């Protein structure tokens, strides 16, 4: 069954990343004013929390987390940090947007929390497949 998932294991992370990129690169005036959306740093934290969990889930479904050759926790954090940095840099050229080091920090902290939570679930041997599916 694990073999069947391999080609598609990282697709949820790719789709999520695409959605995040589109939303983060839209002009600021594309969003309606809302008190709920005013918690910008929490939104960044939550988005990258989910992103890191999706990346690690893909590696778990591929059976790669047990690999001694690559540290997939660090790789997941690196992917999230580089992706977040690229999006922050690109925001400089989007009307109404600006690059913000605190957004990048929130992105990284969200990814870090995602990795920590994910690893707690794995170490406690919870039913991983039931949580994801």
N, C-alpha and C. Protein backbone atom coordinates (compact mmCIF):
# COMPACT_ATOMS: atom_id res chain seq x y z
N UNK A 1 0.82 -1.20 0.00
CA UNK A 1 0.00 0.00 0.00
C UNK A 1 0.86 1.26 0.00
N UNK A 2 2.01 1.21 0.69
CA UNK A 2 2.90 2.35 0.74
C UNK A 2 3.40 2.71 -0.65
N UNK A 3 3.68 1.71 -1.49
CA UNK A 3 4.15 1.94 -2.84
C UNK A 3 3.14 2.76 -3.65
N UNK A 4 1.87 2.53 -3.45
CA UNK A 4 0.84 3.22 -4.20
C UNK A 4 0.85 4.71 -3.90
N UNK A 5 1.22 5.10 -2.69
CA UNK A 5 1.21 6.50 -2.29
C UNK A 5 2.43 7.27 -2.78
N UNK A 6 3.52 6.59 -3.05
CA UNK A 6 4.78 7.26 -3.34
C UNK A 6 4.69 8.37 -4.37
N UNK A 7 4.09 8.15 -5.53
CA UNK A 7 4.10 9.24 -6.52
C UNK A 7 3.28 10.46 -6.08
N UNK A 8 2.37 10.27 -5.19
CA UNK A 8 1.45 11.35 -4.80
C UNK A 8 1.67 11.87 -3.39
N UNK A 9 2.65 11.35 -2.69
CA UNK A 9 2.81 11.64 -1.27
C UNK A 9 3.03 13.12 -0.97
N UNK A 10 3.74 13.83 -1.81
CA UNK A 10 4.02 15.25 -1.55
C UNK A 10 3.04 16.20 -2.23
N UNK A 11 2.05 15.67 -2.94
CA UNK A 11 1.10 16.55 -3.62
C UNK A 11 0.30 17.45 -2.68
N UNK A 12 -0.15 16.98 -1.51
CA UNK A 12 -0.84 17.92 -0.62
C UNK A 12 0.03 19.11 -0.23
N UNK A 13 1.32 18.89 0.03
CA UNK A 13 2.22 19.99 0.37
C UNK A 13 2.41 20.91 -0.83
N UNK A 14 2.51 20.34 -2.03
CA UNK A 14 2.67 21.17 -3.24
C UNK A 14 1.44 22.03 -3.49
N UNK A 15 0.26 21.45 -3.34
CA UNK A 15 -0.98 22.21 -3.54
C UNK A 15 -1.09 23.31 -2.49
N UNK A 16 -0.82 22.97 -1.23
CA UNK A 16 -0.88 23.97 -0.16
C UNK A 16 0.12 25.10 -0.42
N UNK A 17 1.33 24.74 -0.82
CA UNK A 17 2.34 25.74 -1.12
C UNK A 17 1.92 26.66 -2.25
N UNK A 18 1.27 26.11 -3.27
CA UNK A 18 0.78 26.93 -4.38
C UNK A 18 -0.30 27.89 -3.91
N UNK A 19 -1.22 27.42 -3.09
CA UNK A 19 -2.28 28.28 -2.56
C UNK A 19 -1.68 29.39 -1.72
N UNK A 20 -0.72 29.04 -0.86
CA UNK A 20 -0.06 30.04 -0.01
C UNK A 20 0.65 31.07 -0.86
N UNK A 21 1.37 30.62 -1.88
CA UNK A 21 2.10 31.55 -2.75
C UNK A 21 1.15 32.51 -3.45
N UNK A 22 0.06 32.00 -3.98
CA UNK A 22 -0.90 32.87 -4.68
C UNK A 22 -1.47 33.90 -3.71
N UNK A 23 -1.87 33.46 -2.52
CA UNK A 23 -2.47 34.39 -1.57
C UNK A 23 -1.46 35.43 -1.06
N UNK A 24 -0.21 35.00 -0.84
CA UNK A 24 0.79 35.93 -0.32
C UNK A 24 1.29 36.90 -1.39
N UNK A 25 1.06 36.57 -2.65
CA UNK A 25 1.53 37.45 -3.72
C UNK A 25 0.41 38.25 -4.38
N UNK A 26 -0.80 38.16 -3.83
CA UNK A 26 -1.89 39.03 -4.29
C UNK A 26 -1.69 40.43 -3.72
N UNK A 27 -2.09 41.44 -4.46
CA UNK A 27 -2.03 42.80 -3.89
C UNK A 27 -2.87 42.88 -2.62
N UNK A 28 -2.42 43.71 -1.69
CA UNK A 28 -3.09 43.82 -0.39
C UNK A 28 -4.54 44.24 -0.53
N UNK A 29 -4.86 45.08 -1.51
CA UNK A 29 -6.25 45.54 -1.65
C UNK A 29 -7.18 44.45 -2.19
N UNK A 30 -6.65 43.27 -2.50
CA UNK A 30 -7.48 42.14 -2.95
C UNK A 30 -8.24 41.50 -1.80
N UNK A 31 -7.82 41.82 -0.57
CA UNK A 31 -8.44 41.20 0.59
C UNK A 31 -9.41 42.18 1.24
N UNK A 32 -10.60 41.70 1.60
CA UNK A 32 -11.53 42.57 2.31
C UNK A 32 -11.02 42.85 3.72
N UNK A 33 -11.39 43.99 4.26
CA UNK A 33 -11.03 44.31 5.64
C UNK A 33 -11.79 43.39 6.59
N UNK A 34 -11.07 42.83 7.52
CA UNK A 34 -11.68 41.93 8.48
C UNK A 34 -10.86 41.93 9.75
N UNK A 35 -11.52 41.92 10.87
CA UNK A 35 -10.80 41.83 12.12
C UNK A 35 -10.13 40.46 12.27
N UNK A 36 -10.75 39.43 11.69
CA UNK A 36 -10.18 38.09 11.76
C UNK A 36 -8.84 38.03 11.03
N UNK A 37 -8.72 38.72 9.90
CA UNK A 37 -7.49 38.68 9.12
C UNK A 37 -6.43 39.63 9.65
N UNK A 38 -6.71 40.38 10.71
CA UNK A 38 -5.75 41.34 11.22
C UNK A 38 -4.65 40.66 12.06
N UNK A 39 -4.80 39.41 12.35
CA UNK A 39 -3.80 38.68 13.11
C UNK A 39 -2.78 38.09 12.14
N UNK A 40 -2.04 38.97 11.49
CA UNK A 40 -1.14 38.61 10.40
C UNK A 40 -0.09 37.58 10.82
N UNK A 41 0.57 37.80 11.92
CA UNK A 41 1.66 36.90 12.33
C UNK A 41 1.11 35.52 12.71
N UNK A 42 -0.06 35.48 13.33
CA UNK A 42 -0.67 34.19 13.66
C UNK A 42 -1.06 33.44 12.39
N UNK A 43 -1.50 34.19 11.38
CA UNK A 43 -1.84 33.56 10.10
C UNK A 43 -0.58 32.95 9.47
N UNK A 44 0.52 33.68 9.48
CA UNK A 44 1.78 33.15 8.94
C UNK A 44 2.20 31.91 9.72
N UNK A 45 2.11 31.97 11.03
CA UNK A 45 2.48 30.85 11.87
C UNK A 45 1.63 29.62 11.53
N UNK A 46 0.33 29.81 11.42
CA UNK A 46 -0.58 28.70 11.13
C UNK A 46 -0.37 28.11 9.75
N UNK A 47 -0.17 28.96 8.76
CA UNK A 47 0.02 28.49 7.39
C UNK A 47 1.27 27.63 7.27
N UNK A 48 2.37 28.07 7.89
CA UNK A 48 3.61 27.31 7.79
C UNK A 48 3.63 26.12 8.74
N UNK A 49 2.84 26.16 9.80
CA UNK A 49 2.63 24.98 10.66
C UNK A 49 2.04 23.86 9.80
N UNK A 50 0.98 24.19 9.07
CA UNK A 50 0.32 23.20 8.21
C UNK A 50 1.26 22.75 7.10
N UNK A 51 1.99 23.69 6.49
CA UNK A 51 2.89 23.36 5.40
C UNK A 51 3.96 22.36 5.84
N UNK A 52 4.57 22.59 6.99
CA UNK A 52 5.62 21.67 7.44
C UNK A 52 5.05 20.28 7.76
N UNK A 53 3.86 20.24 8.31
CA UNK A 53 3.22 18.94 8.59
C UNK A 53 2.91 18.21 7.29
N UNK A 54 2.46 18.93 6.27
CA UNK A 54 2.18 18.29 4.98
C UNK A 54 3.46 17.77 4.32
N UNK A 55 4.54 18.53 4.42
CA UNK A 55 5.81 18.06 3.86
C UNK A 55 6.28 16.80 4.59
N UNK A 56 6.26 16.83 5.91
CA UNK A 56 6.68 15.65 6.68
C UNK A 56 5.74 14.47 6.46
N UNK A 57 4.46 14.73 6.29
CA UNK A 57 3.51 13.65 6.01
C UNK A 57 3.84 12.97 4.69
N UNK A 58 4.22 13.78 3.70
CA UNK A 58 4.62 13.20 2.42
C UNK A 58 5.83 12.31 2.56
N UNK A 59 6.82 12.77 3.32
CA UNK A 59 8.00 11.94 3.55
C UNK A 59 7.66 10.68 4.34
N UNK A 60 6.74 10.79 5.29
CA UNK A 60 6.31 9.63 6.09
C UNK A 60 5.62 8.62 5.19
N UNK A 61 4.74 9.08 4.31
CA UNK A 61 4.03 8.17 3.42
C UNK A 61 4.98 7.50 2.43
N UNK A 62 6.08 8.15 2.12
CA UNK A 62 7.08 7.56 1.24
C UNK A 62 8.04 6.64 2.00
N UNK A 63 7.92 6.61 3.32
CA UNK A 63 8.79 5.77 4.13
C UNK A 63 10.19 6.34 4.29
N UNK A 64 10.34 7.66 4.11
CA UNK A 64 11.67 8.27 4.16
C UNK A 64 12.07 8.79 5.53
N UNK A 65 11.15 8.95 6.45
CA UNK A 65 11.51 9.53 7.75
C UNK A 65 12.48 8.67 8.53
N UNK A 66 12.49 7.38 8.27
CA UNK A 66 13.38 6.48 8.99
C UNK A 66 14.78 6.46 8.38
N UNK A 67 15.00 7.16 7.28
CA UNK A 67 16.28 7.15 6.58
C UNK A 67 17.38 7.75 7.44
N UNK A 68 18.53 7.09 7.43
CA UNK A 68 19.69 7.58 8.16
C UNK A 68 20.51 8.54 7.29
N UNK A 69 20.27 8.54 5.98
CA UNK A 69 21.05 9.36 5.06
C UNK A 69 20.66 10.84 5.11
N UNK A 70 19.40 11.12 5.26
CA UNK A 70 18.90 12.49 5.22
C UNK A 70 18.06 12.77 6.45
N UNK A 71 18.26 13.93 7.05
CA UNK A 71 17.44 14.35 8.18
C UNK A 71 16.25 15.13 7.61
N UNK A 72 15.12 14.46 7.48
CA UNK A 72 13.96 15.06 6.83
C UNK A 72 13.29 16.14 7.69
N UNK A 73 13.55 16.13 8.99
CA UNK A 73 13.03 17.22 9.83
C UNK A 73 13.74 18.53 9.46
N UNK A 74 15.06 18.46 9.34
CA UNK A 74 15.82 19.66 8.94
C UNK A 74 15.50 20.05 7.51
N UNK A 75 15.32 19.07 6.64
CA UNK A 75 14.98 19.36 5.25
C UNK A 75 13.63 20.06 5.17
N UNK A 76 12.66 19.60 5.95
CA UNK A 76 11.34 20.23 5.98
C UNK A 76 11.45 21.69 6.45
N UNK A 77 12.21 21.92 7.52
CA UNK A 77 12.40 23.30 8.01
C UNK A 77 13.09 24.16 6.96
N UNK A 78 14.07 23.60 6.27
CA UNK A 78 14.78 24.35 5.23
C UNK A 78 13.85 24.70 4.08
N UNK A 79 13.05 23.74 3.66
CA UNK A 79 12.08 23.99 2.58
C UNK A 79 11.15 25.12 2.98
N UNK A 80 10.61 25.06 4.19
CA UNK A 80 9.68 26.09 4.66
C UNK A 80 10.36 27.45 4.77
N UNK A 81 11.58 27.48 5.29
CA UNK A 81 12.29 28.74 5.46
C UNK A 81 12.63 29.38 4.11
N UNK A 82 13.13 28.58 3.18
CA UNK A 82 13.48 29.11 1.85
C UNK A 82 12.22 29.57 1.12
N UNK A 83 11.16 28.77 1.17
CA UNK A 83 9.90 29.13 0.53
C UNK A 83 9.35 30.43 1.11
N UNK A 84 9.35 30.53 2.44
CA UNK A 84 8.87 31.75 3.10
C UNK A 84 9.72 32.95 2.75
N UNK A 85 11.04 32.78 2.68
CA UNK A 85 11.94 33.89 2.34
C UNK A 85 11.72 34.35 0.91
N UNK A 86 11.56 33.41 -0.01
CA UNK A 86 11.30 33.78 -1.41
C UNK A 86 10.00 34.56 -1.52
N UNK A 87 8.96 34.10 -0.83
CA UNK A 87 7.67 34.81 -0.88
C UNK A 87 7.79 36.21 -0.28
N UNK A 88 8.52 36.34 0.82
CA UNK A 88 8.70 37.66 1.43
C UNK A 88 9.46 38.60 0.50
N UNK A 89 10.49 38.09 -0.15
CA UNK A 89 11.25 38.92 -1.09
C UNK A 89 10.39 39.34 -2.28
N UNK A 90 9.60 38.41 -2.81
CA UNK A 90 8.74 38.73 -3.94
C UNK A 90 7.66 39.76 -3.59
N UNK A 91 7.28 39.81 -2.33
CA UNK A 91 6.24 40.76 -1.92
C UNK A 91 6.68 42.22 -2.07
N UNK A 92 7.99 42.47 -2.18
CA UNK A 92 8.47 43.83 -2.37
C UNK A 92 7.92 44.46 -3.64
N UNK A 93 7.63 43.63 -4.64
CA UNK A 93 7.17 44.14 -5.93
C UNK A 93 5.66 44.02 -6.11
N UNK A 94 4.94 43.69 -5.06
CA UNK A 94 3.49 43.57 -5.11
C UNK A 94 2.88 44.83 -4.48
N UNK A 95 1.96 45.50 -5.20
CA UNK A 95 1.35 46.72 -4.63
C UNK A 95 0.67 46.45 -3.29
N UNK A 96 0.97 47.29 -2.32
CA UNK A 96 0.37 47.17 -1.00
C UNK A 96 1.04 46.14 -0.11
N UNK A 97 2.04 45.46 -0.60
CA UNK A 97 2.75 44.45 0.19
C UNK A 97 4.17 44.92 0.46
N UNK A 98 4.80 44.32 1.46
CA UNK A 98 6.20 44.61 1.73
C UNK A 98 6.82 43.41 2.41
N UNK A 99 8.12 43.27 2.20
CA UNK A 99 8.85 42.20 2.87
C UNK A 99 8.95 42.54 4.36
N UNK A 100 8.77 41.55 5.20
CA UNK A 100 8.79 41.78 6.64
C UNK A 100 9.56 40.64 7.31
N UNK A 101 10.63 40.99 8.00
CA UNK A 101 11.44 39.99 8.68
C UNK A 101 10.64 39.26 9.77
N UNK A 102 9.66 39.96 10.36
CA UNK A 102 8.84 39.33 11.39
C UNK A 102 7.87 38.30 10.78
N UNK A 103 7.43 38.55 9.55
CA UNK A 103 6.64 37.53 8.86
C UNK A 103 7.48 36.29 8.61
N UNK A 104 8.74 36.50 8.19
CA UNK A 104 9.64 35.38 7.96
C UNK A 104 9.88 34.61 9.26
N UNK A 105 10.04 35.32 10.35
CA UNK A 105 10.21 34.68 11.65
C UNK A 105 8.97 33.88 12.03
N UNK A 106 7.79 34.45 11.79
CA UNK A 106 6.53 33.73 12.08
C UNK A 106 6.42 32.49 11.19
N UNK A 107 6.84 32.60 9.93
CA UNK A 107 6.84 31.44 9.04
C UNK A 107 7.71 30.33 9.60
N UNK A 108 8.92 30.70 10.02
CA UNK A 108 9.85 29.70 10.54
C UNK A 108 9.33 29.08 11.84
N UNK A 109 8.81 29.90 12.74
CA UNK A 109 8.28 29.37 14.00
C UNK A 109 7.10 28.43 13.76
N UNK A 110 6.24 28.78 12.81
CA UNK A 110 5.13 27.90 12.47
C UNK A 110 5.63 26.56 11.95
N UNK A 111 6.64 26.61 11.06
CA UNK A 111 7.23 25.37 10.54
C UNK A 111 7.88 24.56 11.66
N UNK A 112 8.59 25.24 12.55
CA UNK A 112 9.24 24.55 13.67
C UNK A 112 8.21 23.89 14.57
N UNK A 113 7.13 24.58 14.91
CA UNK A 113 6.07 23.99 15.73
C UNK A 113 5.44 22.80 15.01
N UNK A 114 5.26 22.93 13.69
CA UNK A 114 4.71 21.81 12.91
C UNK A 114 5.58 20.58 12.99
N UNK A 115 6.89 20.76 12.86
CA UNK A 115 7.82 19.63 12.95
C UNK A 115 7.77 19.02 14.35
N UNK A 116 7.76 19.86 15.37
CA UNK A 116 7.73 19.36 16.75
C UNK A 116 6.45 18.56 17.00
N UNK A 117 5.31 19.10 16.62
CA UNK A 117 4.04 18.40 16.84
C UNK A 117 4.01 17.10 16.05
N UNK A 118 4.46 17.16 14.81
CA UNK A 118 4.49 15.96 13.98
C UNK A 118 5.34 14.87 14.63
N UNK A 119 6.52 15.23 15.10
CA UNK A 119 7.42 14.25 15.69
C UNK A 119 6.88 13.71 17.01
N UNK A 120 6.16 14.52 17.76
CA UNK A 120 5.52 14.03 19.00
C UNK A 120 4.50 12.95 18.65
N UNK A 121 3.70 13.19 17.60
CA UNK A 121 2.72 12.18 17.20
C UNK A 121 3.41 10.90 16.74
N UNK A 122 4.49 11.03 15.99
CA UNK A 122 5.21 9.85 15.49
C UNK A 122 5.85 9.09 16.65
N UNK A 123 6.49 9.81 17.57
CA UNK A 123 7.16 9.14 18.69
C UNK A 123 6.17 8.47 19.63
N UNK A 124 4.99 9.00 19.74
CA UNK A 124 3.98 8.39 20.60
C UNK A 124 3.23 7.28 19.89
N UNK A 125 3.63 6.99 18.69
CA UNK A 125 3.08 5.89 17.89
C UNK A 125 1.56 5.97 17.76
N UNK A 126 1.07 7.18 17.53
CA UNK A 126 -0.35 7.33 17.26
C UNK A 126 -0.64 6.78 15.88
N UNK A 127 -1.87 6.49 15.61
CA UNK A 127 -2.24 5.95 14.30
C UNK A 127 -2.11 7.05 13.26
N UNK A 128 -0.93 7.15 12.66
CA UNK A 128 -0.61 8.22 11.71
C UNK A 128 -1.60 8.25 10.54
N UNK A 129 -1.86 7.10 9.95
CA UNK A 129 -2.73 7.06 8.79
C UNK A 129 -4.13 7.55 9.13
N UNK A 130 -4.61 7.25 10.34
CA UNK A 130 -5.96 7.68 10.74
C UNK A 130 -6.00 9.19 10.95
N UNK A 131 -4.90 9.78 11.41
CA UNK A 131 -4.86 11.23 11.60
C UNK A 131 -4.86 11.96 10.27
N UNK A 132 -4.14 11.44 9.29
CA UNK A 132 -4.03 12.09 8.00
C UNK A 132 -5.26 11.82 7.15
N UNK A 133 -5.76 10.60 7.18
CA UNK A 133 -6.90 10.23 6.34
C UNK A 133 -8.13 10.40 7.14
